[in-house]
Amino acid sequence: MKVLVIRFSSIGDIVLTTPVIRCLKQQLPHVEIHFLSKLQFKAVTEANPYIDQFHYYNGNLSALIKTLKAEEFNYVIDLHKNFRSYKIRWALRTKVLAYHKQSVQKFLLTRFHINLMAGRHISLRCLDAVAPLGVMDDGKGLDYFIPPHALLKPGDLPVSHSVGYIAIVIGASYFTKKLPVEKLQQLCATINYPIVLVGGKEDAETGNAVAAIDTIKVYNACGKFSLHESADIVRQSHLVIAHDTGLLYIACALQKKVLAIWGGTSPALDVEPFYGTAYKQETLDTLYHNYVVPNLTCQPCSNFGTATCPKNHFHCMQWQNIEGIAKDALQRVINK
């Protein structure tokens, strides 16, 4: 059997589909798995041992479809469900399995705050899509594989952080998913423990402003490392504090303790930290906690975040309990 799994973007969403890839490979004898994503997200799955062949979209859909047609897939497994994936499905003329995207429910939740969400995590809904093939949830959660050549080298992090540190992922794709700079500064000032700030090049300036509160305690790694190297920073940390962004789910895949800070998006969208169904709830309670400002009638305001707060007050981040987050972080590090 030859199957094509489609998930174009983004980092976190691709990581959330990895249980499907693993379960397909381990539960179906002789299955050949092809994976399609955008070229810019190549690193997310390039070391995944359960994928036999990779395909990438980089702007030329017609050429891509021609390549995919030649493969003669038995199934297309659509875990994205957008215009491009529908066009590919139509062109390949083969059997299709797709996840329940809950587009209407998300619209009602974010626009009118009517919650008709299924209450089933997106990773499990992706697994539901392949149930007709006899594939079942193995309970093992998410996967992320760091190639050996991309592991951190001695001296990549300061000596002051060699005994242990908390990783704070300060980036996110949209403004409403990120704590303001002054809140990040307050958080780092309140945590009496070495801190590594993690993010991309676009977060470097913010990282500098945050690290300026204490350049010995706080190391700004934003923009200095690749995605794999940043994942290894997360892997070696004692705890991860993160916004709703890709490294949050990579941290879960690496079985790290996580404090997730939510702004314009929400766990109510069935996207909270995910470690797999094999864990009992009391264990999950020690692994992660969601920080959501309670009783905000405007939250969540978006599926993905927005460039500005629609209400112009940004209470979902401005009212976060920074001292509570810092206290929780230190307690979880002590009890690691």
C-alpha atoms as a PDB file:
ATOM      1  CA  MET A   1       0.000   0.000   0.000  1.00  0.00           C
ATOM      2  CA  LYS A   2       1.243   3.466  -0.892  1.00  0.00           C
ATOM      3  CA  VAL A   3      -0.253   6.492   0.889  1.00  0.00           C
ATOM      4  CA  LEU A   4       0.234  10.235   0.625  1.00  0.00           C
ATOM      5  CA  VAL A   5      -0.172  12.226   3.851  1.00  0.00           C
ATOM      6  CA  ILE A   6      -0.780  15.955   3.294  1.00  0.00           C
ATOM      7  CA  ARG A   7      -0.069  18.670   5.863  1.00  0.00           C
ATOM      8  CA  PHE A   8       1.414  21.787   4.292  1.00  0.00           C
ATOM      9  CA  SER A   9       2.042  23.895   7.407  1.00  0.00           C
ATOM     10  CA  SER A  10       2.931  25.040  10.001  1.00  0.00           C
ATOM     11  CA  ILE A  11       5.586  23.712  12.408  1.00  0.00           C
ATOM     12  CA  GLY A  12       3.191  22.938  15.244  1.00  0.00           C
ATOM     13  CA  ASP A  13       0.424  21.629  13.002  1.00  0.00           C
ATOM     14  CA  ILE A  14       2.832  19.260  11.265  1.00  0.00           C
ATOM     15  CA  VAL A  15       4.103  17.968  14.617  1.00  0.00           C
ATOM     16  CA  LEU A  16       0.493  17.391  15.675  1.00  0.00           C
ATOM     17  CA  THR A  17       0.025  14.997  12.723  1.00  0.00           C
ATOM     18  CA  THR A  18       2.996  12.777  13.614  1.00  0.00           C
ATOM     19  CA  PRO A  19       0.970  10.148  15.517  1.00  0.00           C
ATOM     20  CA  VAL A  20      -0.785   9.356  12.228  1.00  0.00           C
ATOM     21  CA  ILE A  21       2.522   8.780  10.438  1.00  0.00           C
ATOM     22  CA  ARG A  22       3.911   6.553  13.201  1.00  0.00           C
ATOM     23  CA  CYS A  23       0.751   4.492  13.618  1.00  0.00           C
ATOM     24  CA  LEU A  24       0.375   3.984   9.866  1.00  0.00           C
ATOM     25  CA  LYS A  25       3.947   2.739   9.586  1.00  0.00           C
ATOM     26  CA  GLN A  26       3.868   0.498  12.610  1.00  0.00           C
ATOM     27  CA  GLN A  27       0.409  -0.981  12.158  1.00  0.00           C
ATOM     28  CA  LEU A  28       0.113  -1.529   8.394  1.00  0.00           C
ATOM     29  CA  PRO A  29       2.488  -4.128   6.967  1.00  0.00           C
ATOM     30  CA  HIS A  30       4.403  -3.058   3.855  1.00  0.00           C
ATOM     31  CA  VAL A  31       2.913   0.451   3.794  1.00  0.00           C
ATOM     32  CA  GLU A  32       4.937   3.080   1.933  1.00  0.00           C
ATOM     33  CA  ILE A  33       4.371   6.541   3.391  1.00  0.00           C
ATOM     34  CA  HIS A  34       4.881   9.718   1.377  1.00  0.00           C
ATOM     35  CA  PHE A  35       4.572  13.064   3.129  1.00  0.00           C
ATOM     36  CA  LEU A  36       3.739  16.415   1.522  1.00  0.00           C
ATOM     37  CA  SER A  37       4.437  19.768   3.187  1.00  0.00           C
ATOM     38  CA  LYS A  38       5.685  23.191   2.194  1.00  0.00           C
ATOM     39  CA  LEU A  39       9.406  23.291   1.449  1.00  0.00           C
ATOM     40  CA  GLN A  40       9.963  25.899   4.160  1.00  0.00           C
ATOM     41  CA  PHE A  41       8.924  23.335   6.772  1.00  0.00           C
ATOM     42  CA  LYS A  42      11.247  20.590   5.524  1.00  0.00           C
ATOM     43  CA  ALA A  43      13.173  20.431   8.794  1.00  0.00           C
ATOM     44  CA  VAL A  44      10.116  19.459  10.827  1.00  0.00           C
ATOM     45  CA  THR A  45       9.935  15.945   9.398  1.00  0.00           C
ATOM     46  CA  GLU A  46      13.218  15.393   7.549  1.00  0.00           C
ATOM     47  CA  ALA A  47      14.550  13.031  10.249  1.00  0.00           C
ATOM     48  CA  ASN A  48      11.266  11.160  10.775  1.00  0.00           C
ATOM     49  CA  PRO A  49      12.099   7.447  10.283  1.00  0.00           C
ATOM     50  CA  TYR A  50       8.475   6.544   9.537  1.00  0.00           C
ATOM     51  CA  ILE A  51       8.366   8.536   6.280  1.00  0.00           C
ATOM     52  CA  ASP A  52       9.648   6.792   3.151  1.00  0.00           C
ATOM     53  CA  GLN A  53       9.568   9.693   0.721  1.00  0.00           C
ATOM     54  CA  PHE A  54       9.099  13.457   0.950  1.00  0.00           C
ATOM     55  CA  HIS A  55       7.360  15.845  -1.404  1.00  0.00           C
ATOM     56  CA  TYR A  56       7.402  19.621  -1.062  1.00  0.00           C
ATOM     57  CA  TYR A  57       5.210  22.409  -2.341  1.00  0.00           C
ATOM     58  CA  ASN A  58       7.213  25.474  -3.288  1.00  0.00           C
ATOM     59  CA  GLY A  59       4.871  27.472  -5.503  1.00  0.00           C
ATOM     60  CA  ASN A  60       4.484  25.197  -8.532  1.00  0.00           C
ATOM     61  CA  LEU A  61       1.354  23.153  -7.899  1.00  0.00           C
ATOM     62  CA  SER A  62       1.031  21.845 -11.470  1.00  0.00           C
ATOM     63  CA  ALA A  63       4.512  20.316 -11.453  1.00  0.00           C
ATOM     64  CA  LEU A  64       3.913  18.863  -8.016  1.00  0.00           C
ATOM     65  CA  ILE A  65       0.654  17.221  -9.112  1.00  0.00           C
ATOM     66  CA  LYS A  66       2.410  15.694 -12.117  1.00  0.00           C
ATOM     67  CA  THR A  67       5.024  14.165  -9.802  1.00  0.00           C
ATOM     68  CA  LEU A  68       2.381  12.871  -7.401  1.00  0.00           C
ATOM     69  CA  LYS A  69       0.300  11.313 -10.181  1.00  0.00           C
ATOM     70  CA  ALA A  70       3.264   9.173 -11.201  1.00  0.00           C
ATOM     71  CA  GLU A  71       3.340   7.599  -7.743  1.00  0.00           C
ATOM     72  CA  GLU A  72      -0.110   5.974  -8.135  1.00  0.00           C
ATOM     73  CA  PHE A  73      -1.133   6.251  -4.484  1.00  0.00           C
ATOM     74  CA  ASN A  74      -3.722   3.921  -2.982  1.00  0.00           C
ATOM     75  CA  TYR A  75      -4.856   6.604  -0.538  1.00  0.00           C
ATOM     76  CA  VAL A  76      -4.521  10.306   0.018  1.00  0.00           C
ATOM     77  CA  ILE A  77      -4.755  11.208   3.703  1.00  0.00           C
ATOM     78  CA  ASP A  78      -5.673  14.885   3.862  1.00  0.00           C
ATOM     79  CA  LEU A  79      -4.805  16.386   7.237  1.00  0.00           C
ATOM     80  CA  HIS A  80      -4.957  19.971   5.982  1.00  0.00           C
ATOM     81  CA  LYS A  81      -8.139  20.350   3.917  1.00  0.00           C
ATOM     82  CA  ASN A  82      -7.516  23.586   2.040  1.00  0.00           C
ATOM     83  CA  PHE A  83      -7.762  24.635  -1.604  1.00  0.00           C
ATOM     84  CA  ARG A  84      -4.417  23.049  -2.553  1.00  0.00           C
ATOM     85  CA  SER A  85      -5.105  19.724  -0.868  1.00  0.00           C
ATOM     86  CA  TYR A  86      -8.551  19.541  -2.472  1.00  0.00           C
ATOM     87  CA  LYS A  87      -7.007  20.248  -5.894  1.00  0.00           C
ATOM     88  CA  ILE A  88      -4.440  17.489  -5.354  1.00  0.00           C
ATOM     89  CA  ARG A  89      -7.147  15.068  -4.246  1.00  0.00           C
ATOM     90  CA  TRP A  90      -9.210  15.809  -7.334  1.00  0.00           C
ATOM     91  CA  ALA A  91      -6.195  15.410  -9.634  1.00  0.00           C
ATOM     92  CA  LEU A  92      -4.999  12.098  -8.186  1.00  0.00           C
ATOM     93  CA  ARG A  93      -8.421  10.440  -8.444  1.00  0.00           C
ATOM     94  CA  THR A  94      -7.787   7.930  -5.683  1.00  0.00           C
ATOM     95  CA  LYS A  95      -9.341   7.056  -2.327  1.00  0.00           C
ATOM     96  CA  VAL A  96      -9.296   9.877   0.211  1.00  0.00           C
ATOM     97  CA  LEU A  97      -9.334   9.890   3.998  1.00  0.00           C
ATOM     98  CA  ALA A  98      -9.561  13.258   5.765  1.00  0.00           C
ATOM     99  CA  TYR A  99      -9.808  14.563   9.303  1.00  0.00           C
ATOM    100  CA  HIS A 100     -12.744  16.495  10.724  1.00  0.00           C
ATOM    101  CA  LYS A 101     -11.506  20.086  10.609  1.00  0.00           C
ATOM    102  CA  GLN A 102     -14.415  21.568  12.631  1.00  0.00           C
ATOM    103  CA  SER A 103     -14.337  24.781  10.586  1.00  0.00           C
ATOM    104  CA  VAL A 104     -17.911  25.735  11.451  1.00  0.00           C
ATOM    105  CA  GLN A 105     -17.393  25.021  15.139  1.00  0.00           C
ATOM    106  CA  LYS A 106     -14.201  27.108  15.203  1.00  0.00           C
ATOM    107  CA  PHE A 107     -15.994  29.980  13.480  1.00  0.00           C
ATOM    108  CA  LEU A 108     -18.814  29.891  16.025  1.00  0.00           C
ATOM    109  CA  LEU A 109     -16.351  29.741  18.928  1.00  0.00           C
ATOM    110  CA  THR A 110     -14.074  32.570  17.783  1.00  0.00           C
ATOM    111  CA  ARG A 111     -16.752  34.854  16.335  1.00  0.00           C
ATOM    112  CA  PHE A 112     -19.748  34.314  18.617  1.00  0.00           C
ATOM    113  CA  HIS A 113     -18.161  32.361  21.518  1.00  0.00           C
ATOM    114  CA  ILE A 114     -20.578  29.510  21.083  1.00  0.00           C
ATOM    115  CA  ASN A 115     -18.610  26.377  21.972  1.00  0.00           C
ATOM    116  CA  LEU A 116     -19.735  23.398  19.917  1.00  0.00           C
ATOM    117  CA  MET A 117     -16.234  21.940  19.623  1.00  0.00           C
ATOM    118  CA  ALA A 118     -16.042  18.164  19.900  1.00  0.00           C
ATOM    119  CA  GLY A 119     -13.646  18.299  22.836  1.00  0.00           C
ATOM    120  CA  ARG A 120     -11.392  15.841  20.980  1.00  0.00           C
ATOM    121  CA  HIS A 121      -7.783  16.884  20.443  1.00  0.00           C
ATOM    122  CA  ILE A 122      -6.754  17.614  16.861  1.00  0.00           C
ATOM    123  CA  SER A 123      -4.133  14.846  16.957  1.00  0.00           C
ATOM    124  CA  LEU A 124      -6.807  12.316  17.850  1.00  0.00           C
ATOM    125  CA  ARG A 125      -9.104  13.651  15.106  1.00  0.00           C
ATOM    126  CA  CYS A 126      -6.249  13.141  12.661  1.00  0.00           C
ATOM    127  CA  LEU A 127      -5.967   9.546  13.871  1.00  0.00           C
ATOM    128  CA  ASP A 128      -9.713   9.146  13.429  1.00  0.00           C
ATOM    129  CA  ALA A 129      -9.177   9.827   9.726  1.00  0.00           C
ATOM    130  CA  VAL A 130      -7.141   6.625   9.282  1.00  0.00           C
ATOM    131  CA  ALA A 131      -9.388   4.415  11.410  1.00  0.00           C
ATOM    132  CA  PRO A 132     -11.004   2.919   8.250  1.00  0.00           C
ATOM    133  CA  LEU A 133      -7.588   1.374   7.510  1.00  0.00           C
ATOM    134  CA  GLY A 134      -7.642  -0.386  10.865  1.00  0.00           C
ATOM    135  CA  VAL A 135      -5.097   2.048  12.336  1.00  0.00           C
ATOM    136  CA  MET A 136      -5.580   2.854  16.021  1.00  0.00           C
ATOM    137  CA  ASP A 137      -4.133   5.322  18.498  1.00  0.00           C
ATOM    138  CA  ASP A 138      -1.095   3.777  20.201  1.00  0.00           C
ATOM    139  CA  GLY A 139      -1.222   6.312  23.028  1.00  0.00           C
ATOM    140  CA  LYS A 140       2.378   7.452  22.480  1.00  0.00           C
ATOM    141  CA  GLY A 141       1.735  11.080  21.583  1.00  0.00           C
ATOM    142  CA  LEU A 142       3.772  13.285  19.249  1.00  0.00           C
ATOM    143  CA  ASP A 143       7.118  12.744  17.512  1.00  0.00           C
ATOM    144  CA  TYR A 144      10.003  15.058  16.775  1.00  0.00           C
ATOM    145  CA  PHE A 145      13.381  13.747  15.667  1.00  0.00           C
ATOM    146  CA  ILE A 146      16.592  15.775  15.911  1.00  0.00           C
ATOM    147  CA  PRO A 147      19.332  14.612  13.506  1.00  0.00           C
ATOM    148  CA  PRO A 148      22.577  13.778  15.336  1.00  0.00           C
ATOM    149  CA  HIS A 149      24.496  16.422  13.361  1.00  0.00           C
ATOM    150  CA  ALA A 150      22.089  19.121  14.602  1.00  0.00           C
ATOM    151  CA  LEU A 151      22.539  18.505  18.315  1.00  0.00           C
ATOM    152  CA  LEU A 152      24.010  21.340  20.375  1.00  0.00           C
ATOM    153  CA  LYS A 153      27.756  21.335  20.709  1.00  0.00           C
ATOM    154  CA  PRO A 154      29.744  22.062  23.877  1.00  0.00           C
ATOM    155  CA  GLY A 155      30.009  25.817  24.285  1.00  0.00           C
ATOM    156  CA  ASP A 156      26.853  26.631  22.307  1.00  0.00           C
ATOM    157  CA  LEU A 157      25.198  27.788  25.543  1.00  0.00           C
ATOM    158  CA  PRO A 158      26.887  29.853  28.273  1.00  0.00           C
ATOM    159  CA  VAL A 159      28.715  28.098  31.109  1.00  0.00           C
ATOM    160  CA  SER A 160      26.285  29.816  33.491  1.00  0.00           C
ATOM    161  CA  HIS A 161      23.504  27.661  32.011  1.00  0.00           C
ATOM    162  CA  SER A 162      25.394  24.357  31.905  1.00  0.00           C
ATOM    163  CA  VAL A 163      23.862  22.970  35.111  1.00  0.00           C
ATOM    164  CA  GLY A 164      20.283  23.630  34.049  1.00  0.00           C
ATOM    165  CA  TYR A 165      17.881  26.250  32.736  1.00  0.00           C
ATOM    166  CA  ILE A 166      14.291  27.072  31.890  1.00  0.00           C
ATOM    167  CA  ALA A 167      13.554  27.568  28.187  1.00  0.00           C
ATOM    168  CA  ILE A 168      11.106  30.380  27.420  1.00  0.00           C
ATOM    169  CA  VAL A 169       9.798  30.339  23.850  1.00  0.00           C
ATOM    170  CA  ILE A 170       9.052  34.010  23.209  1.00  0.00           C
ATOM    171  CA  GLY A 171       8.022  33.810  19.568  1.00  0.00           C
ATOM    172  CA  ALA A 172       4.703  33.074  17.881  1.00  0.00           C
ATOM    173  CA  SER A 173       3.246  33.690  14.449  1.00  0.00           C
ATOM    174  CA  TYR A 174       0.919  36.550  15.464  1.00  0.00           C
ATOM    175  CA  PHE A 175       0.879  39.448  17.923  1.00  0.00           C
ATOM    176  CA  THR A 176      -2.116  38.194  19.933  1.00  0.00           C
ATOM    177  CA  LYS A 177      -0.343  34.916  20.733  1.00  0.00           C
ATOM    178  CA  LYS A 178       2.632  36.626  22.429  1.00  0.00           C
ATOM    179  CA  LEU A 179       3.182  38.195  25.813  1.00  0.00           C
ATOM    180  CA  PRO A 180       4.164  41.876  25.509  1.00  0.00           C
ATOM    181  CA  VAL A 181       7.848  42.646  26.064  1.00  0.00           C
ATOM    182  CA  GLU A 182       7.242  44.153  29.491  1.00  0.00           C
ATOM    183  CA  LYS A 183       5.401  41.005  30.616  1.00  0.00           C
ATOM    184  CA  LEU A 184       8.258  38.819  29.382  1.00  0.00           C
ATOM    185  CA  GLN A 185      10.688  41.052  31.251  1.00  0.00           C
ATOM    186  CA  GLN A 186       8.587  40.740  34.406  1.00  0.00           C
ATOM    187  CA  LEU A 187       8.441  36.963  34.025  1.00  0.00           C
ATOM    188  CA  CYS A 188      12.196  36.617  33.636  1.00  0.00           C
ATOM    189  CA  ALA A 189      12.870  39.023  36.513  1.00  0.00           C
ATOM    190  CA  THR A 190      10.587  37.002  38.788  1.00  0.00           C
ATOM    191  CA  ILE A 191      12.088  33.587  37.976  1.00  0.00           C
ATOM    192  CA  ASN A 192      15.215  33.051  40.063  1.00  0.00           C
ATOM    193  CA  TYR A 193      16.747  30.483  37.735  1.00  0.00           C
ATOM    194  CA  PRO A 194      18.879  30.522  34.556  1.00  0.00           C
ATOM    195  CA  ILE A 195      16.758  31.194  31.465  1.00  0.00           C
ATOM    196  CA  VAL A 196      17.301  30.639  27.739  1.00  0.00           C
ATOM    197  CA  LEU A 197      15.059  32.627  25.399  1.00  0.00           C
ATOM    198  CA  VAL A 198      14.140  30.631  22.290  1.00  0.00           C
ATOM    199  CA  GLY A 199      12.790  31.955  19.001  1.00  0.00           C
ATOM    200  CA  GLY A 200      13.612  32.816  15.404  1.00  0.00           C
ATOM    201  CA  LYS A 201      15.526  35.705  13.878  1.00  0.00           C
ATOM    202  CA  GLU A 202      12.353  37.788  13.971  1.00  0.00           C
ATOM    203  CA  ASP A 203      12.367  37.460  17.788  1.00  0.00           C
ATOM    204  CA  ALA A 204      16.004  38.500  18.304  1.00  0.00           C
ATOM    205  CA  GLU A 205      15.262  42.179  19.020  1.00  0.00           C
ATOM    206  CA  THR A 206      12.582  41.292  21.556  1.00  0.00           C
ATOM    207  CA  GLY A 207      14.964  38.760  23.072  1.00  0.00           C
ATOM    208  CA  ASN A 208      17.618  41.427  23.493  1.00  0.00           C
ATOM    209  CA  ALA A 209      15.158  43.692  25.291  1.00  0.00           C
ATOM    210  CA  VAL A 210      14.094  40.888  27.616  1.00  0.00           C
ATOM    211  CA  ALA A 211      17.632  39.646  28.317  1.00  0.00           C
ATOM    212  CA  ALA A 212      18.704  43.198  29.173  1.00  0.00           C
ATOM    213  CA  ILE A 213      17.079  42.845  32.592  1.00  0.00           C
ATOM    214  CA  ASP A 214      19.844  40.416  33.593  1.00  0.00           C
ATOM    215  CA  THR A 215      22.346  39.396  30.926  1.00  0.00           C
ATOM    216  CA  ILE A 216      23.906  36.762  33.207  1.00  0.00           C
ATOM    217  CA  LYS A 217      20.688  34.974  34.152  1.00  0.00           C
ATOM    218  CA  VAL A 218      18.939  35.381  30.795  1.00  0.00           C
ATOM    219  CA  TYR A 219      20.590  34.201  27.567  1.00  0.00           C
ATOM    220  CA  ASN A 220      18.984  35.291  24.291  1.00  0.00           C
ATOM    221  CA  ALA A 221      19.254  32.381  21.832  1.00  0.00           C
ATOM    222  CA  CYS A 222      16.681  33.819  19.407  1.00  0.00           C
ATOM    223  CA  GLY A 223      17.911  33.742  15.822  1.00  0.00           C
ATOM    224  CA  LYS A 224      21.208  32.087  16.722  1.00  0.00           C
ATOM    225  CA  PHE A 225      20.173  28.484  16.178  1.00  0.00           C
ATOM    226  CA  SER A 226      18.357  26.340  13.611  1.00  0.00           C
ATOM    227  CA  LEU A 227      14.980  24.752  14.328  1.00  0.00           C
ATOM    228  CA  HIS A 228      16.664  21.463  15.265  1.00  0.00           C
ATOM    229  CA  GLU A 229      19.159  23.218  17.513  1.00  0.00           C
ATOM    230  CA  SER A 230      16.338  25.179  19.149  1.00  0.00           C
ATOM    231  CA  ALA A 231      14.517  21.884  19.670  1.00  0.00           C
ATOM    232  CA  ASP A 232      17.653  20.553  21.366  1.00  0.00           C
ATOM    233  CA  ILE A 233      17.709  23.613  23.641  1.00  0.00           C
ATOM    234  CA  VAL A 234      14.164  22.684  24.575  1.00  0.00           C
ATOM    235  CA  ARG A 235      15.134  19.009  25.011  1.00  0.00           C
ATOM    236  CA  GLN A 236      17.938  19.851  27.430  1.00  0.00           C
ATOM    237  CA  SER A 237      15.883  22.308  29.495  1.00  0.00           C
ATOM    238  CA  HIS A 238      14.369  21.562  32.885  1.00  0.00           C
ATOM    239  CA  LEU A 239      11.069  23.207  31.901  1.00  0.00           C
ATOM    240  CA  VAL A 240       9.541  24.973  28.902  1.00  0.00           C
ATOM    241  CA  ILE A 241       7.357  28.080  29.041  1.00  0.00           C
ATOM    242  CA  ALA A 242       5.811  28.795  25.648  1.00  0.00           C
ATOM    243  CA  HIS A 243       3.150  30.619  23.725  1.00  0.00           C
ATOM    244  CA  ASP A 244       0.892  28.750  21.283  1.00  0.00           C
ATOM    245  CA  THR A 245       3.633  28.059  18.742  1.00  0.00           C
ATOM    246  CA  GLY A 246       5.525  25.213  17.095  1.00  0.00           C
ATOM    247  CA  LEU A 247       8.131  24.698  19.808  1.00  0.00           C
ATOM    248  CA  LEU A 248       5.313  24.197  22.328  1.00  0.00           C
ATOM    249  CA  TYR A 249       4.329  20.992  20.527  1.00  0.00           C
ATOM    250  CA  ILE A 250       7.939  20.013  19.896  1.00  0.00           C
ATOM    251  CA  ALA A 251       8.421  20.258  23.677  1.00  0.00           C
ATOM    252  CA  CYS A 252       5.487  17.878  24.141  1.00  0.00           C
ATOM    253  CA  ALA A 253       6.967  15.475  21.590  1.00  0.00           C
ATOM    254  CA  LEU A 254      10.217  15.551  23.571  1.00  0.00           C
ATOM    255  CA  GLN A 255       8.244  14.819  26.774  1.00  0.00           C
ATOM    256  CA  LYS A 256       9.204  18.083  28.468  1.00  0.00           C
ATOM    257  CA  LYS A 257       7.217  19.776  31.209  1.00  0.00           C
ATOM    258  CA  VAL A 258       5.365  22.717  29.701  1.00  0.00           C
ATOM    259  CA  LEU A 259       3.614  25.858  30.900  1.00  0.00           C
ATOM    260  CA  ALA A 260       1.502  27.074  27.958  1.00  0.00           C
ATOM    261  CA  ILE A 261       0.476  30.747  27.882  1.00  0.00           C
ATOM    262  CA  TRP A 262      -2.622  31.456  25.788  1.00  0.00           C
ATOM    263  CA  GLY A 263      -3.752  34.779  24.351  1.00  0.00           C
ATOM    264  CA  GLY A 264      -5.928  35.162  21.266  1.00  0.00           C
ATOM    265  CA  THR A 265      -6.096  31.390  20.763  1.00  0.00           C
ATOM    266  CA  SER A 266      -7.195  28.852  23.323  1.00  0.00           C
ATOM    267  CA  PRO A 267      -7.056  25.187  24.392  1.00  0.00           C
ATOM    268  CA  ALA A 268     -10.809  25.285  23.740  1.00  0.00           C
ATOM    269  CA  LEU A 269      -9.905  24.964  20.038  1.00  0.00           C
ATOM    270  CA  ASP A 270      -8.813  21.383  20.874  1.00  0.00           C
ATOM    271  CA  VAL A 271      -5.114  22.168  20.446  1.00  0.00           C
ATOM    272  CA  GLU A 272      -3.716  22.087  23.986  1.00  0.00           C
ATOM    273  CA  PRO A 273      -0.373  20.411  24.831  1.00  0.00           C
ATOM    274  CA  PHE A 274      -0.564  16.727  23.908  1.00  0.00           C
ATOM    275  CA  TYR A 275       1.484  13.855  25.320  1.00  0.00           C
ATOM    276  CA  GLY A 276      -0.603  10.862  24.266  1.00  0.00           C
ATOM    277  CA  THR A 277      -3.529   8.975  25.710  1.00  0.00           C
ATOM    278  CA  ALA A 278      -1.340   6.438  27.528  1.00  0.00           C
ATOM    279  CA  TYR A 279      -0.830   8.923  30.377  1.00  0.00           C
ATOM    280  CA  LYS A 280      -3.234   9.069  33.298  1.00  0.00           C
ATOM    281  CA  GLN A 281      -4.621  12.503  34.151  1.00  0.00           C
ATOM    282  CA  GLU A 282      -2.633  12.797  37.375  1.00  0.00           C
ATOM    283  CA  THR A 283       0.582  12.363  35.370  1.00  0.00           C
ATOM    284  CA  LEU A 284      -0.540  14.883  32.749  1.00  0.00           C
ATOM    285  CA  ASP A 285      -1.187  17.391  35.545  1.00  0.00           C
ATOM    286  CA  THR A 286       2.522  17.244  36.390  1.00  0.00           C
ATOM    287  CA  LEU A 287       3.573  17.568  32.739  1.00  0.00           C
ATOM    288  CA  TYR A 288       1.735  20.713  31.686  1.00  0.00           C
ATOM    289  CA  HIS A 289      -0.528  23.561  32.674  1.00  0.00           C
ATOM    290  CA  ASN A 290      -2.508  25.984  30.518  1.00  0.00           C
ATOM    291  CA  TYR A 291      -2.511  29.654  31.506  1.00  0.00           C
ATOM    292  CA  VAL A 292      -5.687  31.295  30.244  1.00  0.00           C
ATOM    293  CA  VAL A 293      -7.083  34.505  31.774  1.00  0.00           C
ATOM    294  CA  PRO A 294     -10.442  33.387  33.197  1.00  0.00           C
ATOM    295  CA  ASN A 295     -13.857  34.774  32.300  1.00  0.00           C
ATOM    296  CA  LEU A 296     -12.851  36.719  29.203  1.00  0.00           C
ATOM    297  CA  THR A 297     -15.879  36.792  26.925  1.00  0.00           C
ATOM    298  CA  CYS A 298     -13.721  37.730  23.915  1.00  0.00           C
ATOM    299  CA  GLN A 299     -11.298  34.810  24.129  1.00  0.00           C
ATOM    300  CA  PRO A 300     -10.501  32.988  21.860  1.00  0.00           C
ATOM    301  CA  CYS A 301     -10.795  35.617  19.139  1.00  0.00           C
ATOM    302  CA  SER A 302      -9.057  33.664  16.372  1.00  0.00           C
ATOM    303  CA  ASN A 303      -7.997  30.199  15.210  1.00  0.00           C
ATOM    304  CA  PHE A 304      -4.454  31.309  14.486  1.00  0.00           C
ATOM    305  CA  GLY A 305      -3.945  34.713  16.141  1.00  0.00           C
ATOM    306  CA  THR A 306      -4.189  38.211  14.680  1.00  0.00           C
ATOM    307  CA  ALA A 307      -1.911  41.213  14.126  1.00  0.00           C
ATOM    308  CA  THR A 308      -3.759  43.357  16.677  1.00  0.00           C
ATOM    309  CA  CYS A 309      -6.229  42.840  19.501  1.00  0.00           C
ATOM    310  CA  PRO A 310      -9.751  43.171  18.044  1.00  0.00           C
ATOM    311  CA  LYS A 311     -10.889  44.847  21.273  1.00  0.00           C
ATOM    312  CA  ASN A 312      -7.797  47.066  21.610  1.00  0.00           C
ATOM    313  CA  HIS A 313      -7.239  46.045  25.238  1.00  0.00           C
ATOM    314  CA  PHE A 314      -5.312  42.737  24.943  1.00  0.00           C
ATOM    315  CA  HIS A 315      -6.576  41.534  28.315  1.00  0.00           C
ATOM    316  CA  CYS A 316      -5.846  37.909  27.397  1.00  0.00           C
ATOM    317  CA  MET A 317      -2.128  38.655  27.762  1.00  0.00           C
ATOM    318  CA  GLN A 318      -2.046  41.863  29.812  1.00  0.00           C
ATOM    319  CA  TRP A 319      -3.944  40.159  32.638  1.00  0.00           C
ATOM    320  CA  GLN A 320      -1.847  36.994  32.741  1.00  0.00           C
ATOM    321  CA  ASN A 321      -0.760  36.025  36.266  1.00  0.00           C
ATOM    322  CA  ILE A 322       2.981  36.464  35.754  1.00  0.00           C
ATOM    323  CA  GLU A 323       3.890  35.875  39.391  1.00  0.00           C
ATOM    324  CA  GLY A 324       1.795  32.687  39.395  1.00  0.00           C
ATOM    325  CA  ILE A 325       3.503  31.423  36.255  1.00  0.00           C
ATOM    326  CA  ALA A 326       6.938  32.133  37.744  1.00  0.00           C
ATOM    327  CA  LYS A 327       6.053  30.391  41.010  1.00  0.00           C
ATOM    328  CA  ASP A 328       4.682  27.358  39.161  1.00  0.00           C
ATOM    329  CA  ALA A 329       7.796  27.203  36.995  1.00  0.00           C
ATOM    330  CA  LEU A 330      10.167  27.119  39.963  1.00  0.00           C
ATOM    331  CA  GLN A 331       8.090  24.499  41.786  1.00  0.00           C
ATOM    332  CA  ARG A 332       8.095  22.207  38.736  1.00  0.00           C
ATOM    333  CA  VAL A 333      11.848  22.629  38.290  1.00  0.00           C
ATOM    334  CA  ILE A 334      12.448  21.787  41.962  1.00  0.00           C
ATOM    335  CA  ASN A 335      10.203  18.718  41.646  1.00  0.00           C
ATOM    336  CA  LYS A 336      11.677  17.531  38.346  1.00  0.00           C
END
